[in-house]
Amino acid sequence: MALLEMQALLPSPLLGPTPDAKSPESAAQQSNNSKAAKVESAIDYIKQLKQAVSERDKLLHQKDQEMDELRKQLAALSRKSPVCSGEEAEAEMKAEPTSSSSSSIDNVT
């Protein structure tokens, strides 16, 4: 039962064709070889999956580092730039306390 489930999970090119049995003795031997072949195929497939996951994780880590660097560059540029976008201005207005905004209005009049 477990071998059938394993076989269903493995991609078909890894399994290969099974030869026809001509005698009961050779059929039992081929069955054992077939079981061993399925297990070996499963092990190889798991190794391939682990390698693919490892490569993907490395790529994700690299992309995260690139994003962090870009965020730092963007923050540095936004600090240097005297002109803010509309969204940034709104965010700054919300971040400022209300008393400082009212005192700045008093200073203007």
PDB file of N, CA and C in Angstrom:
ATOM      1  N   MET A   1       0.820  -1.192   0.000  1.00  0.00           N
ATOM      2  CA  MET A   1       0.000   0.000   0.000  1.00  0.00           C
ATOM      3  C   MET A   1       0.863   1.255   0.000  1.00  0.00           C
ATOM      4  N   ALA A   2       1.871   1.290   0.889  1.00  0.00           N
ATOM      5  CA  ALA A   2       2.742   2.462   0.973  1.00  0.00           C
ATOM      6  C   ALA A   2       3.529   2.646  -0.313  1.00  0.00           C
ATOM      7  N   LEU A   3       3.921   1.533  -0.946  1.00  0.00           N
ATOM      8  CA  LEU A   3       4.654   1.633  -2.209  1.00  0.00           C
ATOM      9  C   LEU A   3       3.790   2.225  -3.308  1.00  0.00           C
ATOM     10  N   LEU A   4       2.519   1.890  -3.307  1.00  0.00           N
ATOM     11  CA  LEU A   4       1.618   2.461  -4.309  1.00  0.00           C
ATOM     12  C   LEU A   4       1.457   3.959  -4.111  1.00  0.00           C
ATOM     13  N   GLU A   5       1.346   4.389  -2.854  1.00  0.00           N
ATOM     14  CA  GLU A   5       1.252   5.813  -2.573  1.00  0.00           C
ATOM     15  C   GLU A   5       2.531   6.532  -2.977  1.00  0.00           C
ATOM     16  N   MET A   6       3.674   5.907  -2.667  1.00  0.00           N
ATOM     17  CA  MET A   6       4.955   6.489  -3.027  1.00  0.00           C
ATOM     18  C   MET A   6       5.082   6.594  -4.544  1.00  0.00           C
ATOM     19  N   GLN A   7       4.666   5.546  -5.240  1.00  0.00           N
ATOM     20  CA  GLN A   7       4.741   5.535  -6.693  1.00  0.00           C
ATOM     21  C   GLN A   7       3.859   6.643  -7.284  1.00  0.00           C
ATOM     22  N   ALA A   8       2.717   6.874  -6.676  1.00  0.00           N
ATOM     23  CA  ALA A   8       1.821   7.917  -7.175  1.00  0.00           C
ATOM     24  C   ALA A   8       2.425   9.310  -6.983  1.00  0.00           C
ATOM     25  N   LEU A   9       3.240   9.481  -5.954  1.00  0.00           N
ATOM     26  CA  LEU A   9       3.837  10.781  -5.680  1.00  0.00           C
ATOM     27  C   LEU A   9       5.071  11.070  -6.533  1.00  0.00           C
ATOM     28  N   LEU A  10       5.720  10.024  -7.013  1.00  0.00           N
ATOM     29  CA  LEU A  10       6.936  10.204  -7.808  1.00  0.00           C
ATOM     30  C   LEU A  10       6.587  10.563  -9.240  1.00  0.00           C
ATOM     31  N   PRO A  11       7.397  11.425  -9.859  1.00  0.00           N
ATOM     32  CA  PRO A  11       7.176  11.709 -11.278  1.00  0.00           C
ATOM     33  C   PRO A  11       7.470  10.463 -12.103  1.00  0.00           C
ATOM     34  N   SER A  12       6.709  10.238 -13.140  1.00  0.00           N
ATOM     35  CA  SER A  12       6.812   9.001 -13.908  1.00  0.00           C
ATOM     36  C   SER A  12       8.166   8.783 -14.585  1.00  0.00           C
ATOM     37  N   PRO A  13       8.908   9.778 -15.058  1.00  0.00           N
ATOM     38  CA  PRO A  13      10.188   9.484 -15.696  1.00  0.00           C
ATOM     39  C   PRO A  13      11.194   8.832 -14.758  1.00  0.00           C
ATOM     40  N   LEU A  14      11.072   9.043 -13.461  1.00  0.00           N
ATOM     41  CA  LEU A  14      12.006   8.438 -12.522  1.00  0.00           C
ATOM     42  C   LEU A  14      11.755   6.949 -12.331  1.00  0.00           C
ATOM     43  N   LEU A  15      10.560   6.483 -12.595  1.00  0.00           N
ATOM     44  CA  LEU A  15      10.225   5.092 -12.335  1.00  0.00           C
ATOM     45  C   LEU A  15      10.695   4.161 -13.440  1.00  0.00           C
ATOM     46  N   GLY A  16      10.469   4.495 -14.668  1.00  0.00           N
ATOM     47  CA  GLY A  16      10.872   3.652 -15.783  1.00  0.00           C
ATOM     48  C   GLY A  16       9.945   2.459 -15.925  1.00  0.00           C
ATOM     49  N   PRO A  17      10.038   1.759 -17.055  1.00  0.00           N
ATOM     50  CA  PRO A  17       9.173   0.615 -17.283  1.00  0.00           C
ATOM     51  C   PRO A  17       9.604  -0.593 -16.462  1.00  0.00           C
ATOM     52  N   THR A  18       8.635  -1.433 -16.116  1.00  0.00           N
ATOM     53  CA  THR A  18       8.942  -2.666 -15.389  1.00  0.00           C
ATOM     54  C   THR A  18       8.865  -3.832 -16.365  1.00  0.00           C
ATOM     55  N   PRO A  19       9.885  -4.709 -16.356  1.00  0.00           N
ATOM     56  CA  PRO A  19       9.892  -5.841 -17.284  1.00  0.00           C
ATOM     57  C   PRO A  19       8.846  -6.882 -16.899  1.00  0.00           C
ATOM     58  N   ASP A  20       8.392  -7.660 -17.885  1.00  0.00           N
ATOM     59  CA  ASP A  20       7.411  -8.718 -17.645  1.00  0.00           C
ATOM     60  C   ASP A  20       8.081  -9.919 -16.983  1.00  0.00           C
ATOM     61  N   ALA A  21       7.359 -10.564 -16.066  1.00  0.00           N
ATOM     62  CA  ALA A  21       7.885 -11.738 -15.374  1.00  0.00           C
ATOM     63  C   ALA A  21       7.542 -12.991 -16.173  1.00  0.00           C
ATOM     64  N   LYS A  22       8.524 -13.935 -16.253  1.00  0.00           N
ATOM     65  CA  LYS A  22       8.292 -15.165 -17.004  1.00  0.00           C
ATOM     66  C   LYS A  22       8.099 -16.364 -16.096  1.00  0.00           C
ATOM     67  N   SER A  23       8.630 -16.326 -14.879  1.00  0.00           N
ATOM     68  CA  SER A  23       8.442 -17.440 -13.953  1.00  0.00           C
ATOM     69  C   SER A  23       8.079 -16.886 -12.583  1.00  0.00           C
ATOM     70  N   PRO A  24       7.431 -17.694 -11.728  1.00  0.00           N
ATOM     71  CA  PRO A  24       7.047 -17.207 -10.405  1.00  0.00           C
ATOM     72  C   PRO A  24       8.255 -16.780  -9.579  1.00  0.00           C
ATOM     73  N   GLU A  25       9.374 -17.497  -9.710  1.00  0.00           N
ATOM     74  CA  GLU A  25      10.563 -17.150  -8.935  1.00  0.00           C
ATOM     75  C   GLU A  25      11.135 -15.802  -9.388  1.00  0.00           C
ATOM     76  N   SER A  26      11.193 -15.620 -10.690  1.00  0.00           N
ATOM     77  CA  SER A  26      11.728 -14.355 -11.200  1.00  0.00           C
ATOM     78  C   SER A  26      10.738 -13.216 -10.918  1.00  0.00           C
ATOM     79  N   ALA A  27       9.448 -13.525 -10.841  1.00  0.00           N
ATOM     80  CA  ALA A  27       8.456 -12.506 -10.534  1.00  0.00           C
ATOM     81  C   ALA A  27       8.664 -11.977  -9.122  1.00  0.00           C
ATOM     82  N   ALA A  28       8.951 -12.846  -8.163  1.00  0.00           N
ATOM     83  CA  ALA A  28       9.199 -12.416  -6.793  1.00  0.00           C
ATOM     84  C   ALA A  28      10.475 -11.586  -6.720  1.00  0.00           C
ATOM     85  N   GLN A  29      11.505 -12.029  -7.459  1.00  0.00           N
ATOM     86  CA  GLN A  29      12.754 -11.290  -7.460  1.00  0.00           C
ATOM     87  C   GLN A  29      12.562  -9.904  -8.098  1.00  0.00           C
ATOM     88  N   GLN A  30      11.813  -9.876  -9.189  1.00  0.00           N
ATOM     89  CA  GLN A  30      11.555  -8.595  -9.851  1.00  0.00           C
ATOM     90  C   GLN A  30      10.713  -7.685  -8.966  1.00  0.00           C
ATOM     91  N   SER A  31       9.795  -8.293  -8.213  1.00  0.00           N
ATOM     92  CA  SER A  31       8.971  -7.507  -7.294  1.00  0.00           C
ATOM     93  C   SER A  31       9.850  -6.851  -6.235  1.00  0.00           C
ATOM     94  N   ASN A  32      10.794  -7.600  -5.685  1.00  0.00           N
ATOM     95  CA  ASN A  32      11.716  -7.039  -4.704  1.00  0.00           C
ATOM     96  C   ASN A  32      12.584  -5.953  -5.334  1.00  0.00           C
ATOM     97  N   ASN A  33      13.073  -6.227  -6.556  1.00  0.00           N
ATOM     98  CA  ASN A  33      13.885  -5.225  -7.252  1.00  0.00           C
ATOM     99  C   ASN A  33      13.048  -3.988  -7.560  1.00  0.00           C
ATOM    100  N   SER A  34      11.794  -4.208  -7.914  1.00  0.00           N
ATOM    101  CA  SER A  34      10.912  -3.096  -8.224  1.00  0.00           C
ATOM    102  C   SER A  34      10.668  -2.244  -6.977  1.00  0.00           C
ATOM    103  N   LYS A  35      10.474  -2.904  -5.848  1.00  0.00           N
ATOM    104  CA  LYS A  35      10.278  -2.177  -4.602  1.00  0.00           C
ATOM    105  C   LYS A  35      11.530  -1.375  -4.263  1.00  0.00           C
ATOM    106  N   ALA A  36      12.667  -2.009  -4.416  1.00  0.00           N
ATOM    107  CA  ALA A  36      13.922  -1.314  -4.128  1.00  0.00           C
ATOM    108  C   ALA A  36      14.125  -0.147  -5.093  1.00  0.00           C
ATOM    109  N   ALA A  37      13.767  -0.367  -6.342  1.00  0.00           N
ATOM    110  CA  ALA A  37      13.909   0.697  -7.336  1.00  0.00           C
ATOM    111  C   ALA A  37      12.996   1.872  -7.007  1.00  0.00           C
ATOM    112  N   LYS A  38      11.787   1.570  -6.545  1.00  0.00           N
ATOM    113  CA  LYS A  38      10.861   2.644  -6.165  1.00  0.00           C
ATOM    114  C   LYS A  38      11.407   3.436  -4.989  1.00  0.00           C
ATOM    115  N   VAL A  39      11.968   2.740  -4.015  1.00  0.00           N
ATOM    116  CA  VAL A  39      12.525   3.423  -2.847  1.00  0.00           C
ATOM    117  C   VAL A  39      13.731   4.262  -3.261  1.00  0.00           C
ATOM    118  N   GLU A  40      14.590   3.708  -4.117  1.00  0.00           N
ATOM    119  CA  GLU A  40      15.748   4.470  -4.593  1.00  0.00           C
ATOM    120  C   GLU A  40      15.299   5.696  -5.385  1.00  0.00           C
ATOM    121  N   SER A  41      14.277   5.517  -6.207  1.00  0.00           N
ATOM    122  CA  SER A  41      13.749   6.651  -6.965  1.00  0.00           C
ATOM    123  C   SER A  41      13.188   7.711  -6.026  1.00  0.00           C
ATOM    124  N   ALA A  42      12.515   7.261  -4.983  1.00  0.00           N
ATOM    125  CA  ALA A  42      11.958   8.207  -4.008  1.00  0.00           C
ATOM    126  C   ALA A  42      13.075   8.973  -3.306  1.00  0.00           C
ATOM    127  N   ILE A  43      14.137   8.277  -2.942  1.00  0.00           N
ATOM    128  CA  ILE A  43      15.265   8.932  -2.281  1.00  0.00           C
ATOM    129  C   ILE A  43      15.893   9.968  -3.206  1.00  0.00           C
ATOM    130  N   ASP A  44      16.109   9.591  -4.471  1.00  0.00           N
ATOM    131  CA  ASP A  44      16.681  10.532  -5.439  1.00  0.00           C
ATOM    132  C   ASP A  44      15.777  11.744  -5.625  1.00  0.00           C
ATOM    133  N   TYR A  45      14.488  11.496  -5.708  1.00  0.00           N
ATOM    134  CA  TYR A  45      13.529  12.585  -5.899  1.00  0.00           C
ATOM    135  C   TYR A  45      13.508  13.517  -4.692  1.00  0.00           C
ATOM    136  N   ILE A  46      13.578  12.966  -3.501  1.00  0.00           N
ATOM    137  CA  ILE A  46      13.615  13.781  -2.285  1.00  0.00           C
ATOM    138  C   ILE A  46      14.878  14.625  -2.257  1.00  0.00           C
ATOM    139  N   LYS A  47      16.007  14.043  -2.673  1.00  0.00           N
ATOM    140  CA  LYS A  47      17.256  14.804  -2.736  1.00  0.00           C
ATOM    141  C   LYS A  47      17.132  15.964  -3.726  1.00  0.00           C
ATOM    142  N   GLN A  48      16.509  15.705  -4.872  1.00  0.00           N
ATOM    143  CA  GLN A  48      16.304  16.768  -5.861  1.00  0.00           C
ATOM    144  C   GLN A  48      15.420  17.874  -5.292  1.00  0.00           C
ATOM    145  N   LEU A  49      14.363  17.480  -4.598  1.00  0.00           N
ATOM    146  CA  LEU A  49      13.466  18.476  -3.994  1.00  0.00           C
ATOM    147  C   LEU A  49      14.194  19.299  -2.938  1.00  0.00           C
ATOM    148  N   LYS A  50      15.016  18.642  -2.106  1.00  0.00           N
ATOM    149  CA  LYS A  50      15.769  19.367  -1.085  1.00  0.00           C
ATOM    150  C   LYS A  50      16.725  20.361  -1.725  1.00  0.00           C
ATOM    151  N   GLN A  51      17.373  19.951  -2.815  1.00  0.00           N
ATOM    152  CA  GLN A  51      18.294  20.845  -3.497  1.00  0.00           C
ATOM    153  C   GLN A  51      17.538  22.037  -4.087  1.00  0.00           C
ATOM    154  N   ALA A  52      16.386  21.780  -4.685  1.00  0.00           N
ATOM    155  CA  ALA A  52      15.595  22.866  -5.262  1.00  0.00           C
ATOM    156  C   ALA A  52      15.128  23.835  -4.175  1.00  0.00           C
ATOM    157  N   VAL A  53      14.717  23.320  -3.040  1.00  0.00           N
ATOM    158  CA  VAL A  53      14.283  24.168  -1.928  1.00  0.00           C
ATOM    159  C   VAL A  53      15.455  24.985  -1.396  1.00  0.00           C
ATOM    160  N   SER A  54      16.616  24.353  -1.298  1.00  0.00           N
ATOM    161  CA  SER A  54      17.802  25.057  -0.826  1.00  0.00           C
ATOM    162  C   SER A  54      18.176  26.197  -1.772  1.00  0.00           C
ATOM    163  N   GLU A  55      18.127  25.937  -3.061  1.00  0.00           N
ATOM    164  CA  GLU A  55      18.431  26.975  -4.048  1.00  0.00           C
ATOM    165  C   GLU A  55      17.407  28.107  -3.973  1.00  0.00           C
ATOM    166  N   ARG A  56      16.150  27.758  -3.811  1.00  0.00           N
ATOM    167  CA  ARG A  56      15.101  28.777  -3.692  1.00  0.00           C
ATOM    168  C   ARG A  56      15.294  29.620  -2.438  1.00  0.00           C
ATOM    169  N   ASP A  57      15.656  28.966  -1.330  1.00  0.00           N
ATOM    170  CA  ASP A  57      15.886  29.697  -0.084  1.00  0.00           C
ATOM    171  C   ASP A  57      17.067  30.655  -0.212  1.00  0.00           C
ATOM    172  N   LYS A  58      18.123  30.216  -0.887  1.00  0.00           N
ATOM    173  CA  LYS A  58      19.276  31.092  -1.112  1.00  0.00           C
ATOM    174  C   LYS A  58      18.860  32.299  -1.949  1.00  0.00           C
ATOM    175  N   LEU A  59      18.080  32.065  -2.979  1.00  0.00           N
ATOM    176  CA  LEU A  59      17.624  33.151  -3.838  1.00  0.00           C
ATOM    177  C   LEU A  59      16.733  34.121  -3.067  1.00  0.00           C
ATOM    178  N   LEU A  60      15.839  33.603  -2.246  1.00  0.00           N
ATOM    179  CA  LEU A  60      14.974  34.458  -1.425  1.00  0.00           C
ATOM    180  C   LEU A  60      15.792  35.297  -0.450  1.00  0.00           C
ATOM    181  N   HIS A  61      16.795  34.682   0.156  1.00  0.00           N
ATOM    182  CA  HIS A  61      17.659  35.409   1.078  1.00  0.00           C
ATOM    183  C   HIS A  61      18.395  36.529   0.345  1.00  0.00           C
ATOM    184  N   GLN A  62      18.888  36.219  -0.844  1.00  0.00           N
ATOM    185  CA  GLN A  62      19.584  37.225  -1.650  1.00  0.00           C
ATOM    186  C   GLN A  62      18.638  38.372  -2.005  1.00  0.00           C
ATOM    187  N   LYS A  63      17.418  38.044  -2.405  1.00  0.00           N
ATOM    188  CA  LYS A  63      16.445  39.079  -2.761  1.00  0.00           C
ATOM    189  C   LYS A  63      16.054  39.914  -1.548  1.00  0.00           C
ATOM    190  N   ASP A  64      15.951  39.289  -0.374  1.00  0.00           N
ATOM    191  CA  ASP A  64      15.653  40.044   0.848  1.00  0.00           C
ATOM    192  C   ASP A  64      16.758  41.043   1.155  1.00  0.00           C
ATOM    193  N   GLN A  65      18.009  40.616   0.966  1.00  0.00           N
ATOM    194  CA  GLN A  65      19.131  41.526   1.194  1.00  0.00           C
ATOM    195  C   GLN A  65      19.089  42.691   0.208  1.00  0.00           C
ATOM    196  N   GLU A  66      18.780  42.397  -1.046  1.00  0.00           N
ATOM    197  CA  GLU A  66      18.673  43.454  -2.050  1.00  0.00           C
ATOM    198  C   GLU A  66      17.561  44.436  -1.699  1.00  0.00           C
ATOM    199  N   MET A  67      16.419  43.908  -1.234  1.00  0.00           N
ATOM    200  CA  MET A  67      15.302  44.784  -0.842  1.00  0.00           C
ATOM    201  C   MET A  67      15.691  45.663   0.341  1.00  0.00           C
ATOM    202  N   ASP A  68      16.379  45.102   1.324  1.00  0.00           N
ATOM    203  CA  ASP A  68      16.816  45.901   2.472  1.00  0.00           C
ATOM    204  C   ASP A  68      17.753  47.019   2.027  1.00  0.00           C
ATOM    205  N   GLU A  69      18.677  46.702   1.135  1.00  0.00           N
ATOM    206  CA  GLU A  69      19.602  47.721   0.634  1.00  0.00           C
ATOM    207  C   GLU A  69      18.853  48.809  -0.127  1.00  0.00           C
ATOM    208  N   LEU A  70      17.896  48.421  -0.956  1.00  0.00           N
ATOM    209  CA  LEU A  70      17.106  49.405  -1.693  1.00  0.00           C
ATOM    210  C   LEU A  70      16.274  50.277  -0.759  1.00  0.00           C
ATOM    211  N   ARG A  71      15.739  49.684   0.294  1.00  0.00           N
ATOM    212  CA  ARG A  71      14.979  50.464   1.272  1.00  0.00           C
ATOM    213  C   ARG A  71      15.868  51.495   1.959  1.00  0.00           C
ATOM    214  N   LYS A  72      17.103  51.066   2.294  1.00  0.00           N
ATOM    215  CA  LYS A  72      18.040  52.003   2.913  1.00  0.00           C
ATOM    216  C   LYS A  72      18.372  53.143   1.956  1.00  0.00           C
ATOM    217  N   GLN A  73      18.597  52.814   0.696  1.00  0.00           N
ATOM    218  CA  GLN A  73      18.895  53.841  -0.292  1.00  0.00           C
ATOM    219  C   GLN A  73      17.714  54.795  -0.459  1.00  0.00           C
ATOM    220  N   LEU A  74      16.513  54.258  -0.493  1.00  0.00           N
ATOM    221  CA  LEU A  74      15.321  55.085  -0.629  1.00  0.00           C
ATOM    222  C   LEU A  74      15.149  56.006   0.579  1.00  0.00           C
ATOM    223  N   ALA A  75      15.389  55.466   1.757  1.00  0.00           N
ATOM    224  CA  ALA A  75      15.274  56.282   2.961  1.00  0.00           C
ATOM    225  C   ALA A  75      16.309  57.407   2.951  1.00  0.00           C
ATOM    226  N   ALA A  76      17.516  57.091   2.521  1.00  0.00           N
ATOM    227  CA  ALA A  76      18.561  58.112   2.454  1.00  0.00           C
ATOM    228  C   ALA A  76      18.197  59.184   1.436  1.00  0.00           C
ATOM    229  N   LEU A  77      17.658  58.782   0.314  1.00  0.00           N
ATOM    230  CA  LEU A  77      17.262  59.748  -0.713  1.00  0.00           C
ATOM    231  C   LEU A  77      16.091  60.608  -0.254  1.00  0.00           C
ATOM    232  N   SER A  78      15.151  60.003   0.433  1.00  0.00           N
ATOM    233  CA  SER A  78      13.982  60.776   0.878  1.00  0.00           C
ATOM    234  C   SER A  78      14.363  61.765   1.972  1.00  0.00           C
ATOM    235  N   ARG A  79      15.402  61.453   2.760  1.00  0.00           N
ATOM    236  CA  ARG A  79      15.868  62.400   3.776  1.00  0.00           C
ATOM    237  C   ARG A  79      16.581  63.588   3.130  1.00  0.00           C
ATOM    238  N   LYS A  80      17.287  63.344   2.051  1.00  0.00           N
ATOM    239  CA  LYS A  80      18.035  64.404   1.376  1.00  0.00           C
ATOM    240  C   LYS A  80      17.129  65.292   0.540  1.00  0.00           C
ATOM    241  N   SER A  81      16.068  64.726   0.017  1.00  0.00           N
ATOM    242  CA  SER A  81      15.187  65.450  -0.898  1.00  0.00           C
ATOM    243  C   SER A  81      14.286  66.408  -0.124  1.00  0.00           C
ATOM    244  N   PRO A  82      14.272  67.714  -0.516  1.00  0.00           N
ATOM    245  CA  PRO A  82      13.397  68.658   0.178  1.00  0.00           C
ATOM    246  C   PRO A  82      11.940  68.524  -0.248  1.00  0.00           C
ATOM    247  N   VAL A  83      11.687  67.925  -1.396  1.00  0.00           N
ATOM    248  CA  VAL A  83      10.331  67.787  -1.910  1.00  0.00           C
ATOM    249  C   VAL A  83       9.812  66.409  -1.532  1.00  0.00           C
ATOM    250  N   CYS A  84       8.654  66.385  -0.915  1.00  0.00           N
ATOM    251  CA  CYS A  84       8.030  65.130  -0.524  1.00  0.00           C
ATOM    252  C   CYS A  84       6.861  64.842  -1.443  1.00  0.00           C
ATOM    253  N   SER A  85       6.580  63.586  -1.615  1.00  0.00           N
ATOM    254  CA  SER A  85       5.384  63.232  -2.372  1.00  0.00           C
ATOM    255  C   SER A  85       4.166  63.493  -1.493  1.00  0.00           C
ATOM    256  N   GLY A  86       2.993  63.459  -2.083  1.00  0.00           N
ATOM    257  CA  GLY A  86       1.762  63.714  -1.341  1.00  0.00           C
ATOM    258  C   GLY A  86       1.550  62.737  -0.213  1.00  0.00           C
ATOM    259  N   GLU A  87       1.823  61.472  -0.448  1.00  0.00           N
ATOM    260  CA  GLU A  87       1.627  60.465   0.585  1.00  0.00           C
ATOM    261  C   GLU A  87       2.611  60.674   1.727  1.00  0.00           C
ATOM    262  N   GLU A  88       3.858  61.005   1.402  1.00  0.00           N
ATOM    263  CA  GLU A  88       4.848  61.222   2.441  1.00  0.00           C
ATOM    264  C   GLU A  88       4.481  62.446   3.277  1.00  0.00           C
ATOM    265  N   ALA A  89       3.990  63.491   2.622  1.00  0.00           N
ATOM    266  CA  ALA A  89       3.590  64.700   3.349  1.00  0.00           C
ATOM    267  C   ALA A  89       2.444  64.389   4.302  1.00  0.00           C
ATOM    268  N   GLU A  90       1.476  63.599   3.839  1.00  0.00           N
ATOM    269  CA  GLU A  90       0.361  63.224   4.712  1.00  0.00           C
ATOM    270  C   GLU A  90       0.853  62.418   5.894  1.00  0.00           C
ATOM    271  N   ALA A  91       1.775  61.506   5.640  1.00  0.00           N
ATOM    272  CA  ALA A  91       2.314  60.684   6.722  1.00  0.00           C
ATOM    273  C   ALA A  91       3.052  61.550   7.729  1.00  0.00           C
ATOM    274  N   GLU A  92       3.810  62.537   7.247  1.00  0.00           N
ATOM    275  CA  GLU A  92       4.527  63.423   8.151  1.00  0.00           C
ATOM    276  C   GLU A  92       3.560  64.291   8.952  1.00  0.00           C
ATOM    277  N   MET A  93       2.492  64.747   8.305  1.00  0.00           N
ATOM    278  CA  MET A  93       1.496  65.575   9.001  1.00  0.00           C
ATOM    279  C   MET A  93       0.824  64.780  10.114  1.00  0.00           C
ATOM    280  N   LYS A  94       0.512  63.529   9.841  1.00  0.00           N
ATOM    281  CA  LYS A  94      -0.137  62.695  10.852  1.00  0.00           C
ATOM    282  C   LYS A  94       0.820  62.378  11.987  1.00  0.00           C
ATOM    283  N   ALA A  95       2.107  62.271  11.658  1.00  0.00           N
ATOM    284  CA  ALA A  95       3.102  61.922  12.671  1.00  0.00           C
ATOM    285  C   ALA A  95       3.403  63.093  13.587  1.00  0.00           C
ATOM    286  N   GLU A  96       3.222  64.322  13.120  1.00  0.00           N
ATOM    287  CA  GLU A  96       3.513  65.497  13.941  1.00  0.00           C
ATOM    288  C   GLU A  96       2.434  65.678  15.004  1.00  0.00           C
ATOM    289  N   PRO A  97       2.815  66.121  16.185  1.00  0.00           N
ATOM    290  CA  PRO A  97       1.805  66.405  17.213  1.00  0.00           C
ATOM    291  C   PRO A  97       0.964  67.622  16.810  1.00  0.00           C
ATOM    292  N   THR A  98      -0.257  67.671  17.282  1.00  0.00           N
ATOM    293  CA  THR A  98      -1.175  68.750  16.890  1.00  0.00           C
ATOM    294  C   THR A  98      -0.756  70.092  17.458  1.00  0.00           C
ATOM    295  N   SER A  99      -0.100  70.123  18.619  1.00  0.00           N
ATOM    296  CA  SER A  99       0.286  71.403  19.214  1.00  0.00           C
ATOM    297  C   SER A  99       1.340  72.105  18.373  1.00  0.00           C
ATOM    298  N   SER A 100       2.242  71.374  17.774  1.00  0.00           N
ATOM    299  CA  SER A 100       3.270  72.019  16.958  1.00  0.00           C
ATOM    300  C   SER A 100       2.669  72.572  15.683  1.00  0.00           C
ATOM    301  N   SER A 101       1.659  71.911  15.121  1.00  0.00           N
ATOM    302  CA  SER A 101       1.040  72.431  13.908  1.00  0.00           C
ATOM    303  C   SER A 101       0.234  73.688  14.216  1.00  0.00           C
ATOM    304  N   SER A 102      -0.400  73.779  15.370  1.00  0.00           N
ATOM    305  CA  SER A 102      -1.156  74.975  15.706  1.00  0.00           C
ATOM    306  C   SER A 102      -0.215  76.126  16.040  1.00  0.00           C
ATOM    307  N   SER A 103       0.929  75.842  16.646  1.00  0.00           N
ATOM    308  CA  SER A 103       1.876  76.917  16.956  1.00  0.00           C
ATOM    309  C   SER A 103       2.519  77.445  15.681  1.00  0.00           C
ATOM    310  N   SER A 104       2.716  76.583  14.699  1.00  0.00           N
ATOM    311  CA  SER A 104       3.281  77.064  13.443  1.00  0.00           C
ATOM    312  C   SER A 104       2.281  77.941  12.708  1.00  0.00           C
ATOM    313  N   ILE A 105       0.996  77.694  12.875  1.00  0.00           N
ATOM    314  CA  ILE A 105      -0.027  78.536  12.278  1.00  0.00           C
ATOM    315  C   ILE A 105      -0.019  79.899  12.972  1.00  0.00           C
ATOM    316  N   ASP A 106       0.153  79.918  14.290  1.00  0.00           N
ATOM    317  CA  ASP A 106       0.191  81.167  15.022  1.00  0.00           C
ATOM    318  C   ASP A 106       1.382  82.009  14.597  1.00  0.00           C
ATOM    319  N   ASN A 107       2.506  81.386  14.328  1.00  0.00           N
ATOM    320  CA  ASN A 107       3.692  82.103  13.916  1.00  0.00           C
ATOM    321  C   ASN A 107       3.526  82.721  12.538  1.00  0.00           C
ATOM    322  N   VAL A 108       2.728  82.115  11.666  1.00  0.00           N
ATOM    323  CA  VAL A 108       2.541  82.631  10.324  1.00  0.00           C
ATOM    324  C   VAL A 108       1.681  83.881  10.352  1.00  0.00           C
ATOM    325  N   THR A 109       0.680  83.972  11.206  1.00  0.00           N
ATOM    326  CA  THR A 109      -0.257  85.113  11.243  1.00  0.00           C
ATOM    327  C   THR A 109       0.224  86.302  11.965  1.00  0.00           C
TER     328      THR A 109
END
